[in-house]
């Protein structure tokens, strides 16, 4: 689920790695992570993706609380929902950064 990606630039011999720490920072900062990676247009695309993840997480928590109504399930969902939303945001941000590197001419996996 959290794959490590390595990129090499064919002309400058520079390399970039997207690893567990990249997922951590991407999950916390979402669009800002994509922006600081050097992809401003993809960062703008990440804003509605992050908003959609937030809305789905909020609605999902409300639905679970309303349908099941158990206090134990509600407490579990209270902790699990933000973790799942942050993981989804991290995965989405890393995929956008990965696509950005590939479009910029970086080679993956060398």
PDB file of N, CA and C in Angstrom:
ATOM      1  N   UNK A   1       0.825  -1.187   0.000  1.00  0.00           N
ATOM      2  CA  UNK A   1       0.000   0.000   0.000  1.00  0.00           C
ATOM      3  C   UNK A   1       0.874   1.257   0.000  1.00  0.00           C
ATOM      4  N   UNK A   2       1.902   1.277   0.825  1.00  0.00           N
ATOM      5  CA  UNK A   2       2.802   2.428   0.878  1.00  0.00           C
ATOM      6  C   UNK A   2       4.099   2.069   0.157  1.00  0.00           C
ATOM      7  N   UNK A   3       4.054   2.076  -1.152  1.00  0.00           N
ATOM      8  CA  UNK A   3       5.209   1.704  -1.957  1.00  0.00           C
ATOM      9  C   UNK A   3       6.276   2.779  -1.904  1.00  0.00           C
ATOM     10  N   UNK A   4       7.516   2.366  -2.019  1.00  0.00           N
ATOM     11  CA  UNK A   4       8.633   3.299  -2.107  1.00  0.00           C
ATOM     12  C   UNK A   4       8.956   3.517  -3.576  1.00  0.00           C
ATOM     13  N   UNK A   5       9.084   4.781  -3.954  1.00  0.00           N
ATOM     14  CA  UNK A   5       9.399   5.131  -5.336  1.00  0.00           C
ATOM     15  C   UNK A   5      10.742   5.852  -5.365  1.00  0.00           C
ATOM     16  N   UNK A   6      11.553   5.508  -6.344  1.00  0.00           N
ATOM     17  CA  UNK A   6      12.845   6.157  -6.529  1.00  0.00           C
ATOM     18  C   UNK A   6      12.895   6.704  -7.944  1.00  0.00           C
ATOM     19  N   UNK A   7      13.318   7.955  -8.052  1.00  0.00           N
ATOM     20  CA  UNK A   7      13.391   8.627  -9.340  1.00  0.00           C
ATOM     21  C   UNK A   7      14.803   9.130  -9.574  1.00  0.00           C
ATOM     22  N   UNK A   8      15.253   9.030 -10.817  1.00  0.00           N
ATOM     23  CA  UNK A   8      16.543   9.564 -11.234  1.00  0.00           C
ATOM     24  C   UNK A   8      16.316  10.495 -12.407  1.00  0.00           C
ATOM     25  N   UNK A   9      17.023  11.623 -12.386  1.00  0.00           N
ATOM     26  CA  UNK A   9      16.944  12.544 -13.511  1.00  0.00           C
ATOM     27  C   UNK A   9      17.986  12.122 -14.542  1.00  0.00           C
ATOM     28  N   UNK A  10      17.583  11.931 -15.787  1.00  0.00           N
ATOM     29  CA  UNK A  10      18.521  11.391 -16.788  1.00  0.00           C
ATOM     30  C   UNK A  10      19.658  12.332 -17.159  1.00  0.00           C
ATOM     31  N   UNK A  11      19.493  13.625 -16.943  1.00  0.00           N
ATOM     32  CA  UNK A  11      20.534  14.575 -17.364  1.00  0.00           C
ATOM     33  C   UNK A  11      21.435  15.024 -16.228  1.00  0.00           C
ATOM     34  N   UNK A  12      20.899  15.143 -15.028  1.00  0.00           N
ATOM     35  CA  UNK A  12      21.680  15.712 -13.930  1.00  0.00           C
ATOM     36  C   UNK A  12      22.159  14.688 -12.908  1.00  0.00           C
ATOM     37  N   UNK A  13      21.743  13.445 -13.023  1.00  0.00           N
ATOM     38  CA  UNK A  13      22.072  12.397 -12.056  1.00  0.00           C
ATOM     39  C   UNK A  13      21.526  12.669 -10.653  1.00  0.00           C
ATOM     40  N   UNK A  14      20.576  13.570 -10.540  1.00  0.00           N
ATOM     41  CA  UNK A  14      19.917  13.808  -9.259  1.00  0.00           C
ATOM     42  C   UNK A  14      18.938  12.673  -9.009  1.00  0.00           C
ATOM     43  N   UNK A  15      18.680  12.398  -7.742  1.00  0.00           N
ATOM     44  CA  UNK A  15      17.723  11.344  -7.423  1.00  0.00           C
ATOM     45  C   UNK A  15      16.778  11.814  -6.325  1.00  0.00           C
ATOM     46  N   UNK A  16      15.581  11.280  -6.358  1.00  0.00           N
ATOM     47  CA  UNK A  16      14.556  11.569  -5.356  1.00  0.00           C
ATOM     48  C   UNK A  16      13.957  10.240  -4.922  1.00  0.00           C
ATOM     49  N   UNK A  17      13.596  10.156  -3.656  1.00  0.00           N
ATOM     50  CA  UNK A  17      12.964   8.955  -3.130  1.00  0.00           C
ATOM     51  C   UNK A  17      11.695   9.351  -2.391  1.00  0.00           C
ATOM     52  N   UNK A  18      10.615   8.664  -2.706  1.00  0.00           N
ATOM     53  CA  UNK A  18       9.358   8.832  -1.985  1.00  0.00           C
ATOM     54  C   UNK A  18       9.182   7.584  -1.128  1.00  0.00           C
ATOM     55  N   UNK A  19       9.414   7.738   0.176  1.00  0.00           N
ATOM     56  CA  UNK A  19       9.389   6.605   1.083  1.00  0.00           C
ATOM     57  C   UNK A  19       8.348   6.814   2.174  1.00  0.00           C
ATOM     58  N   UNK A  20       8.491   6.113   3.279  1.00  0.00           N
ATOM     59  CA  UNK A  20       7.526   6.189   4.369  1.00  0.00           C
ATOM     60  C   UNK A  20       7.427   7.616   4.921  1.00  0.00           C
ATOM     61  N   UNK A  21       8.549   8.304   5.020  1.00  0.00           N
ATOM     62  CA  UNK A  21       8.515   9.682   5.521  1.00  0.00           C
ATOM     63  C   UNK A  21       7.778  10.603   4.559  1.00  0.00           C
ATOM     64  N   UNK A  22       7.907  10.349   3.278  1.00  0.00           N
ATOM     65  CA  UNK A  22       7.169  11.144   2.296  1.00  0.00           C
ATOM     66  C   UNK A  22       5.674  10.946   2.478  1.00  0.00           C
ATOM     67  N   UNK A  23       5.247   9.709   2.714  1.00  0.00           N
ATOM     68  CA  UNK A  23       3.825   9.453   2.970  1.00  0.00           C
ATOM     69  C   UNK A  23       3.369  10.163   4.241  1.00  0.00           C
ATOM     70  N   UNK A  24       4.215  10.168   5.269  1.00  0.00           N
ATOM     71  CA  UNK A  24       3.874  10.837   6.527  1.00  0.00           C
ATOM     72  C   UNK A  24       3.640  12.324   6.303  1.00  0.00           C
ATOM     73  N   UNK A  25       4.596  12.986   5.647  1.00  0.00           N
ATOM     74  CA  UNK A  25       4.461  14.423   5.419  1.00  0.00           C
ATOM     75  C   UNK A  25       3.333  14.737   4.440  1.00  0.00           C
ATOM     76  N   UNK A  26       3.153  13.885   3.443  1.00  0.00           N
ATOM     77  CA  UNK A  26       2.072  14.091   2.480  1.00  0.00           C
ATOM     78  C   UNK A  26       0.712  13.932   3.149  1.00  0.00           C
ATOM     79  N   UNK A  27       0.598  13.003   4.074  1.00  0.00           N
ATOM     80  CA  UNK A  27      -0.683  12.825   4.760  1.00  0.00           C
ATOM     81  C   UNK A  27      -1.003  14.008   5.662  1.00  0.00           C
ATOM     82  N   UNK A  28       0.003  14.603   6.270  1.00  0.00           N
ATOM     83  CA  UNK A  28      -0.239  15.744   7.153  1.00  0.00           C
ATOM     84  C   UNK A  28      -0.504  17.039   6.395  1.00  0.00           C
ATOM     85  N   UNK A  29       0.234  17.244   5.299  1.00  0.00           N
ATOM     86  CA  UNK A  29       0.174  18.546   4.638  1.00  0.00           C
ATOM     87  C   UNK A  29      -0.466  18.532   3.255  1.00  0.00           C
ATOM     88  N   UNK A  30      -0.759  17.382   2.691  1.00  0.00           N
ATOM     89  CA  UNK A  30      -1.504  17.249   1.446  1.00  0.00           C
ATOM     90  C   UNK A  30      -1.071  18.180   0.327  1.00  0.00           C
ATOM     91  N   UNK A  31      -1.889  19.192   0.007  1.00  0.00           N
ATOM     92  CA  UNK A  31      -1.566  20.086  -1.105  1.00  0.00           C
ATOM     93  C   UNK A  31      -0.250  20.843  -0.922  1.00  0.00           C
ATOM     94  N   UNK A  32       0.094  21.182   0.305  1.00  0.00           N
ATOM     95  CA  UNK A  32       1.344  21.888   0.545  1.00  0.00           C
ATOM     96  C   UNK A  32       2.553  20.993   0.257  1.00  0.00           C
ATOM     97  N   UNK A  33       2.424  19.707   0.547  1.00  0.00           N
ATOM     98  CA  UNK A  33       3.490  18.770   0.223  1.00  0.00           C
ATOM     99  C   UNK A  33       3.709  18.716  -1.291  1.00  0.00           C
ATOM    100  N   UNK A  34       2.620  18.645  -2.038  1.00  0.00           N
ATOM    101  CA  UNK A  34       2.722  18.605  -3.502  1.00  0.00           C
ATOM    102  C   UNK A  34       3.322  19.911  -4.014  1.00  0.00           C
ATOM    103  N   UNK A  35       2.924  21.030  -3.423  1.00  0.00           N
ATOM    104  CA  UNK A  35       3.458  22.333  -3.820  1.00  0.00           C
ATOM    105  C   UNK A  35       4.953  22.416  -3.552  1.00  0.00           C
ATOM    106  N   UNK A  36       5.395  21.994  -2.379  1.00  0.00           N
ATOM    107  CA  UNK A  36       6.815  22.062  -2.041  1.00  0.00           C
ATOM    108  C   UNK A  36       7.643  21.035  -2.799  1.00  0.00           C
ATOM    109  N   UNK A  37       6.987  20.021  -3.360  1.00  0.00           N
ATOM    110  CA  UNK A  37       7.690  19.079  -4.225  1.00  0.00           C
ATOM    111  C   UNK A  37       7.974  19.703  -5.590  1.00  0.00           C
ATOM    112  N   UNK A  38       7.337  20.838  -5.873  1.00  0.00           N
ATOM    113  CA  UNK A  38       7.616  21.560  -7.107  1.00  0.00           C
ATOM    114  C   UNK A  38       6.545  21.448  -8.170  1.00  0.00           C
ATOM    115  N   UNK A  39       5.328  21.106  -7.775  1.00  0.00           N
ATOM    116  CA  UNK A  39       4.253  20.934  -8.743  1.00  0.00           C
ATOM    117  C   UNK A  39       3.035  21.773  -8.355  1.00  0.00           C
ATOM    118  N   UNK A  40       3.047  23.078  -8.678  1.00  0.00           N
ATOM    119  CA  UNK A  40       1.958  23.954  -8.238  1.00  0.00           C
ATOM    120  C   UNK A  40       0.597  23.613  -8.857  1.00  0.00           C
ATOM    121  N   UNK A  41       0.546  23.204 -10.102  1.00  0.00           N
ATOM    122  CA  UNK A  41      -0.748  22.865 -10.704  1.00  0.00           C
ATOM    123  C   UNK A  41      -1.327  21.591 -10.102  1.00  0.00           C
ATOM    124  N   UNK A  42      -0.474  20.637  -9.814  1.00  0.00           N
ATOM    125  CA  UNK A  42      -0.941  19.420  -9.154  1.00  0.00           C
ATOM    126  C   UNK A  42      -1.364  19.703  -7.713  1.00  0.00           C
ATOM    127  N   UNK A  43      -0.733  20.695  -7.092  1.00  0.00           N
ATOM    128  CA  UNK A  43      -1.141  21.088  -5.738  1.00  0.00           C
ATOM    129  C   UNK A  43      -2.551  21.675  -5.762  1.00  0.00           C
ATOM    130  N   UNK A  44      -2.864  22.434  -6.802  1.00  0.00           N
ATOM    131  CA  UNK A  44      -4.230  22.947  -6.943  1.00  0.00           C
ATOM    132  C   UNK A  44      -5.224  21.808  -7.141  1.00  0.00           C
ATOM    133  N   UNK A  45      -4.811  20.772  -7.844  1.00  0.00           N
ATOM    134  CA  UNK A  45      -5.665  19.602  -8.016  1.00  0.00           C
ATOM    135  C   UNK A  45      -5.834  18.855  -6.701  1.00  0.00           C
ATOM    136  N   UNK A  46      -4.832  18.898  -5.858  1.00  0.00           N
ATOM    137  CA  UNK A  46      -4.885  18.187  -4.579  1.00  0.00           C
ATOM    138  C   UNK A  46      -5.865  18.832  -3.600  1.00  0.00           C
ATOM    139  N   UNK A  47      -6.138  20.126  -3.758  1.00  0.00           N
ATOM    140  CA  UNK A  47      -7.046  20.816  -2.836  1.00  0.00           C
ATOM    141  C   UNK A  47      -8.442  20.194  -2.858  1.00  0.00           C
ATOM    142  N   UNK A  48      -9.101  20.038  -4.029  1.00  0.00           N
ATOM    143  CA  UNK A  48     -10.417  19.395  -3.995  1.00  0.00           C
ATOM    144  C   UNK A  48     -10.359  17.915  -3.602  1.00  0.00           C
ATOM    145  N   UNK A  49      -9.241  17.252  -3.905  1.00  0.00           N
ATOM    146  CA  UNK A  49      -9.103  15.858  -3.480  1.00  0.00           C
ATOM    147  C   UNK A  49      -9.086  15.786  -1.956  1.00  0.00           C
ATOM    148  N   UNK A  50      -8.344  16.668  -1.314  1.00  0.00           N
ATOM    149  CA  UNK A  50      -8.300  16.702   0.152  1.00  0.00           C
ATOM    150  C   UNK A  50      -9.657  17.054   0.739  1.00  0.00           C
ATOM    151  N   UNK A  51     -10.343  17.995   0.101  1.00  0.00           N
ATOM    152  CA  UNK A  51     -11.684  18.371   0.572  1.00  0.00           C
ATOM    153  C   UNK A  51     -12.645  17.192   0.459  1.00  0.00           C
ATOM    154  N   UNK A  52     -12.560  16.464  -0.646  1.00  0.00           N
ATOM    155  CA  UNK A  52     -13.431  15.311  -0.828  1.00  0.00           C
ATOM    156  C   UNK A  52     -13.136  14.232   0.215  1.00  0.00           C
ATOM    157  N   UNK A  53     -11.873  14.007   0.505  1.00  0.00           N
ATOM    158  CA  UNK A  53     -11.508  13.019   1.528  1.00  0.00           C
ATOM    159  C   UNK A  53     -12.060  13.444   2.886  1.00  0.00           C
ATOM    160  N   UNK A  54     -11.957  14.736   3.212  1.00  0.00           N
ATOM    161  CA  UNK A  54     -12.480  15.244   4.487  1.00  0.00           C
ATOM    162  C   UNK A  54     -13.990  15.051   4.567  1.00  0.00           C
ATOM    163  N   UNK A  55     -14.695  15.402   3.502  1.00  0.00           N
ATOM    164  CA  UNK A  55     -16.161  15.284   3.503  1.00  0.00           C
ATOM    165  C   UNK A  55     -16.579  13.824   3.613  1.00  0.00           C
ATOM    166  N   UNK A  56     -15.921  12.946   2.865  1.00  0.00           N
ATOM    167  CA  UNK A  56     -16.261  11.524   2.932  1.00  0.00           C
ATOM    168  C   UNK A  56     -15.959  10.935   4.310  1.00  0.00           C
ATOM    169  N   UNK A  57     -14.874  11.357   4.922  1.00  0.00           N
ATOM    170  CA  UNK A  57     -14.548  10.866   6.260  1.00  0.00           C
ATOM    171  C   UNK A  57     -15.578  11.350   7.281  1.00  0.00           C
ATOM    172  N   UNK A  58     -15.962  12.609   7.189  1.00  0.00           N
ATOM    173  CA  UNK A  58     -16.950  13.165   8.112  1.00  0.00           C
ATOM    174  C   UNK A  58     -18.301  12.479   7.919  1.00  0.00           C
ATOM    175  N   UNK A  59     -18.716  12.321   6.663  1.00  0.00           N
ATOM    176  CA  UNK A  59     -19.997  11.666   6.380  1.00  0.00           C
ATOM    177  C   UNK A  59     -19.955  10.194   6.775  1.00  0.00           C
ATOM    178  N   UNK A  60     -18.830   9.539   6.523  1.00  0.00           N
ATOM    179  CA  UNK A  60     -18.700   8.134   6.906  1.00  0.00           C
ATOM    180  C   UNK A  60     -18.782   7.931   8.402  1.00  0.00           C
ATOM    181  N   UNK A  61     -18.128   8.819   9.144  1.00  0.00           N
ATOM    182  CA  UNK A  61     -18.209   8.726  10.599  1.00  0.00           C
ATOM    183  C   UNK A  61     -19.640   8.941  11.068  1.00  0.00           C
ATOM    184  N   UNK A  62     -20.299   9.950  10.504  1.00  0.00           N
ATOM    185  CA  UNK A  62     -21.688  10.210  10.886  1.00  0.00           C
ATOM    186  C   UNK A  62     -22.604   9.049  10.548  1.00  0.00           C
ATOM    187  N   UNK A  63     -22.388   8.436   9.397  1.00  0.00           N
ATOM    188  CA  UNK A  63     -23.208   7.301   8.992  1.00  0.00           C
ATOM    189  C   UNK A  63     -22.993   6.099   9.907  1.00  0.00           C
ATOM    190  N   UNK A  64     -21.751   5.815  10.231  1.00  0.00           N
ATOM    191  CA  UNK A  64     -21.449   4.702  11.132  1.00  0.00           C
ATOM    192  C   UNK A  64     -22.063   4.956  12.498  1.00  0.00           C
ATOM    193  N   UNK A  65     -21.943   6.167  12.993  1.00  0.00           N
ATOM    194  CA  UNK A  65     -22.504   6.515  14.303  1.00  0.00           C
ATOM    195  C   UNK A  65     -24.029   6.408  14.287  1.00  0.00           C
ATOM    196  N   UNK A  66     -24.642   6.851  13.208  1.00  0.00           N
ATOM    197  CA  UNK A  66     -26.104   6.857  13.128  1.00  0.00           C
ATOM    198  C   UNK A  66     -26.669   5.450  12.951  1.00  0.00           C
ATOM    199  N   UNK A  67     -26.044   4.667  12.065  1.00  0.00           N
ATOM    200  CA  UNK A  67     -26.569   3.338  11.756  1.00  0.00           C
ATOM    201  C   UNK A  67     -26.310   2.361  12.901  1.00  0.00           C
ATOM    202  N   UNK A  68     -25.100   2.332  13.402  1.00  0.00           N
ATOM    203  CA  UNK A  68     -24.766   1.334  14.406  1.00  0.00           C
ATOM    204  C   UNK A  68     -25.098   1.801  15.818  1.00  0.00           C
ATOM    205  N   UNK A  69     -24.820   3.047  16.127  1.00  0.00           N
ATOM    206  CA  UNK A  69     -25.230   3.639  17.391  1.00  0.00           C
ATOM    207  C   UNK A  69     -24.582   3.059  18.644  1.00  0.00           C
ATOM    208  N   UNK A  70     -23.668   2.140  18.509  1.00  0.00           N
ATOM    209  CA  UNK A  70     -23.003   1.566  19.662  1.00  0.00           C
ATOM    210  C   UNK A  70     -21.890   2.504  20.129  1.00  0.00           C
ATOM    211  N   UNK A  71     -21.743   2.633  21.431  1.00  0.00           N
ATOM    212  CA  UNK A  71     -20.702   3.517  21.954  1.00  0.00           C
ATOM    213  C   UNK A  71     -19.302   3.000  21.625  1.00  0.00           C
ATOM    214  N   UNK A  72     -19.126   1.702  21.663  1.00  0.00           N
ATOM    215  CA  UNK A  72     -17.820   1.116  21.363  1.00  0.00           C
ATOM    216  C   UNK A  72     -17.461   1.369  19.903  1.00  0.00           C
ATOM    217  N   UNK A  73     -18.406   1.168  18.998  1.00  0.00           N
ATOM    218  CA  UNK A  73     -18.166   1.397  17.580  1.00  0.00           C
ATOM    219  C   UNK A  73     -17.925   2.877  17.318  1.00  0.00           C
ATOM    220  N   UNK A  74     -18.648   3.733  17.993  1.00  0.00           N
ATOM    221  CA  UNK A  74     -18.468   5.172  17.824  1.00  0.00           C
ATOM    222  C   UNK A  74     -17.074   5.604  18.256  1.00  0.00           C
ATOM    223  N   UNK A  75     -16.600   5.104  19.378  1.00  0.00           N
ATOM    224  CA  UNK A  75     -15.258   5.449  19.854  1.00  0.00           C
ATOM    225  C   UNK A  75     -14.204   4.921  18.880  1.00  0.00           C
ATOM    226  N   UNK A  76     -14.389   3.684  18.405  1.00  0.00           N
ATOM    227  CA  UNK A  76     -13.461   3.134  17.434  1.00  0.00           C
ATOM    228  C   UNK A  76     -13.453   3.972  16.153  1.00  0.00           C
ATOM    229  N   UNK A  77     -14.642   4.318  15.669  1.00  0.00           N
ATOM    230  CA  UNK A  77     -14.744   5.120  14.442  1.00  0.00           C
ATOM    231  C   UNK A  77     -14.164   6.510  14.649  1.00  0.00           C
ATOM    232  N   UNK A  78     -14.278   7.044  15.854  1.00  0.00           N
ATOM    233  CA  UNK A  78     -13.730   8.363  16.158  1.00  0.00           C
ATOM    234  C   UNK A  78     -12.219   8.389  15.984  1.00  0.00           C
ATOM    235  N   UNK A  79     -11.564   7.286  16.289  1.00  0.00           N
ATOM    236  CA  UNK A  79     -10.123   7.216  16.117  1.00  0.00           C
ATOM    237  C   UNK A  79      -9.710   6.699  14.738  1.00  0.00           C
ATOM    238  N   UNK A  80     -10.461   5.762  14.197  1.00  0.00           N
ATOM    239  CA  UNK A  80     -10.087   5.141  12.923  1.00  0.00           C
ATOM    240  C   UNK A  80     -10.356   6.049  11.728  1.00  0.00           C
ATOM    241  N   UNK A  81     -11.395   6.863  11.788  1.00  0.00           N
ATOM    242  CA  UNK A  81     -11.749   7.707  10.642  1.00  0.00           C
ATOM    243  C   UNK A  81     -10.658   8.718  10.305  1.00  0.00           C
ATOM    244  N   UNK A  82     -10.126   9.477  11.254  1.00  0.00           N
ATOM    245  CA  UNK A  82      -9.049  10.409  10.892  1.00  0.00           C
ATOM    246  C   UNK A  82      -7.789   9.705  10.386  1.00  0.00           C
ATOM    247  N   UNK A  83      -7.473   8.553  10.939  1.00  0.00           N
ATOM    248  CA  UNK A  83      -6.294   7.813  10.482  1.00  0.00           C
ATOM    249  C   UNK A  83      -6.490   7.370   9.041  1.00  0.00           C
ATOM    250  N   UNK A  84      -7.666   6.851   8.722  1.00  0.00           N
ATOM    251  CA  UNK A  84      -7.950   6.420   7.346  1.00  0.00           C
ATOM    252  C   UNK A  84      -7.946   7.610   6.393  1.00  0.00           C
ATOM    253  N   UNK A  85      -8.499   8.751   6.828  1.00  0.00           N
ATOM    254  CA  UNK A  85      -8.521   9.939   5.975  1.00  0.00           C
ATOM    255  C   UNK A  85      -7.109  10.458   5.720  1.00  0.00           C
ATOM    256  N   UNK A  86      -6.277  10.464   6.744  1.00  0.00           N
ATOM    257  CA  UNK A  86      -4.889  10.907   6.563  1.00  0.00           C
ATOM    258  C   UNK A  86      -4.120   9.955   5.653  1.00  0.00           C
ATOM    259  N   UNK A  87      -4.362   8.664   5.794  1.00  0.00           N
ATOM    260  CA  UNK A  87      -3.697   7.692   4.916  1.00  0.00           C
ATOM    261  C   UNK A  87      -4.134   7.896   3.467  1.00  0.00           C
ATOM    262  N   UNK A  88      -5.418   8.132   3.255  1.00  0.00           N
ATOM    263  CA  UNK A  88      -5.917   8.366   1.895  1.00  0.00           C
ATOM    264  C   UNK A  88      -5.315   9.641   1.305  1.00  0.00           C
ATOM    265  N   UNK A  89      -5.202  10.692   2.121  1.00  0.00           N
ATOM    266  CA  UNK A  89      -4.603  11.929   1.638  1.00  0.00           C
ATOM    267  C   UNK A  89      -3.131  11.737   1.298  1.00  0.00           C
ATOM    268  N   UNK A  90      -2.414  10.977   2.109  1.00  0.00           N
ATOM    269  CA  UNK A  90      -1.007  10.714   1.828  1.00  0.00           C
ATOM    270  C   UNK A  90      -0.818   9.938   0.543  1.00  0.00           C
ATOM    271  N   UNK A  91      -1.633   8.931   0.331  1.00  0.00           N
ATOM    272  CA  UNK A  91      -1.539   8.138  -0.891  1.00  0.00           C
ATOM    273  C   UNK A  91      -1.850   8.991  -2.112  1.00  0.00           C
ATOM    274  N   UNK A  92      -2.894   9.813  -2.018  1.00  0.00           N
ATOM    275  CA  UNK A  92      -3.266  10.675  -3.150  1.00  0.00           C
ATOM    276  C   UNK A  92      -2.156  11.683  -3.461  1.00  0.00           C
ATOM    277  N   UNK A  93      -1.586  12.290  -2.430  1.00  0.00           N
ATOM    278  CA  UNK A  93      -0.532  13.287  -2.647  1.00  0.00           C
ATOM    279  C   UNK A  93       0.716  12.651  -3.249  1.00  0.00           C
ATOM    280  N   UNK A  94       1.095  11.481  -2.763  1.00  0.00           N
ATOM    281  CA  UNK A  94       2.278  10.805  -3.304  1.00  0.00           C
ATOM    282  C   UNK A  94       2.047  10.407  -4.761  1.00  0.00           C
ATOM    283  N   UNK A  95       0.851   9.958  -5.092  1.00  0.00           N
ATOM    284  CA  UNK A  95       0.561   9.611  -6.486  1.00  0.00           C
ATOM    285  C   UNK A  95       0.640  10.836  -7.390  1.00  0.00           C
ATOM    286  N   UNK A  96       0.173  11.982  -6.904  1.00  0.00           N
ATOM    287  CA  UNK A  96       0.278  13.201  -7.711  1.00  0.00           C
ATOM    288  C   UNK A  96       1.736  13.619  -7.890  1.00  0.00           C
ATOM    289  N   UNK A  97       2.523  13.534  -6.836  1.00  0.00           N
ATOM    290  CA  UNK A  97       3.949  13.875  -6.935  1.00  0.00           C
ATOM    291  C   UNK A  97       4.650  12.894  -7.874  1.00  0.00           C
ATOM    292  N   UNK A  98       4.304  11.632  -7.779  1.00  0.00           N
ATOM    293  CA  UNK A  98       4.880  10.619  -8.672  1.00  0.00           C
ATOM    294  C   UNK A  98       4.566  10.942 -10.121  1.00  0.00           C
ATOM    295  N   UNK A  99       3.311  11.262 -10.413  1.00  0.00           N
ATOM    296  CA  UNK A  99       2.934  11.635 -11.783  1.00  0.00           C
ATOM    297  C   UNK A  99       3.672  12.896 -12.220  1.00  0.00           C
ATOM    298  N   UNK A 100       3.856  13.834 -11.307  1.00  0.00           N
ATOM    299  CA  UNK A 100       4.585  15.061 -11.617  1.00  0.00           C
ATOM    300  C   UNK A 100       6.024  14.792 -12.000  1.00  0.00           C
ATOM    301  N   UNK A 101       6.694  13.933 -11.238  1.00  0.00           N
ATOM    302  CA  UNK A 101       8.079  13.589 -11.579  1.00  0.00           C
ATOM    303  C   UNK A 101       8.160  12.895 -12.936  1.00  0.00           C
ATOM    304  N   UNK A 102       7.239  11.981 -13.192  1.00  0.00           N
ATOM    305  CA  UNK A 102       7.265  11.265 -14.467  1.00  0.00           C
ATOM    306  C   UNK A 102       7.021  12.222 -15.637  1.00  0.00           C
ATOM    307  N   UNK A 103       6.105  13.156 -15.467  1.00  0.00           N
ATOM    308  CA  UNK A 103       5.836  14.132 -16.533  1.00  0.00           C
ATOM    309  C   UNK A 103       6.994  15.095 -16.726  1.00  0.00           C
ATOM    310  N   UNK A 104       7.765  15.315 -15.672  1.00  0.00           N
ATOM    311  CA  UNK A 104       8.911  16.241 -15.763  1.00  0.00           C
ATOM    312  C   UNK A 104      10.144  15.554 -16.348  1.00  0.00           C
ATOM    313  N   UNK A 105      10.030  14.281 -16.702  1.00  0.00           N
ATOM    314  CA  UNK A 105      11.139  13.588 -17.337  1.00  0.00           C
ATOM    315  C   UNK A 105      11.999  12.739 -16.438  1.00  0.00           C
ATOM    316  N   UNK A 106      11.637  12.615 -15.174  1.00  0.00           N
ATOM    317  CA  UNK A 106      12.391  11.761 -14.264  1.00  0.00           C
ATOM    318  C   UNK A 106      12.088  10.304 -14.588  1.00  0.00           C
ATOM    319  N   UNK A 107      13.076   9.444 -14.381  1.00  0.00           N
ATOM    320  CA  UNK A 107      12.898   8.004 -14.597  1.00  0.00           C
ATOM    321  C   UNK A 107      12.616   7.341 -13.266  1.00  0.00           C
ATOM    322  N   UNK A 108      11.691   6.412 -13.282  1.00  0.00           N
ATOM    323  CA  UNK A 108      11.317   5.724 -12.047  1.00  0.00           C
ATOM    324  C   UNK A 108      12.007   4.366 -11.969  1.00  0.00           C
ATOM    325  N   UNK A 109      12.511   4.060 -10.776  1.00  0.00           N
ATOM    326  CA  UNK A 109      13.006   2.728 -10.498  1.00  0.00           C
ATOM    327  C   UNK A 109      14.405   2.421 -10.966  1.00  0.00           C
ATOM    328  N   UNK A 110      15.234   3.418 -11.182  1.00  0.00           N
ATOM    329  CA  UNK A 110      16.604   3.162 -11.635  1.00  0.00           C
ATOM    330  C   UNK A 110      17.582   3.327 -10.508  1.00  0.00           C
TER     331      UNK A 110
END
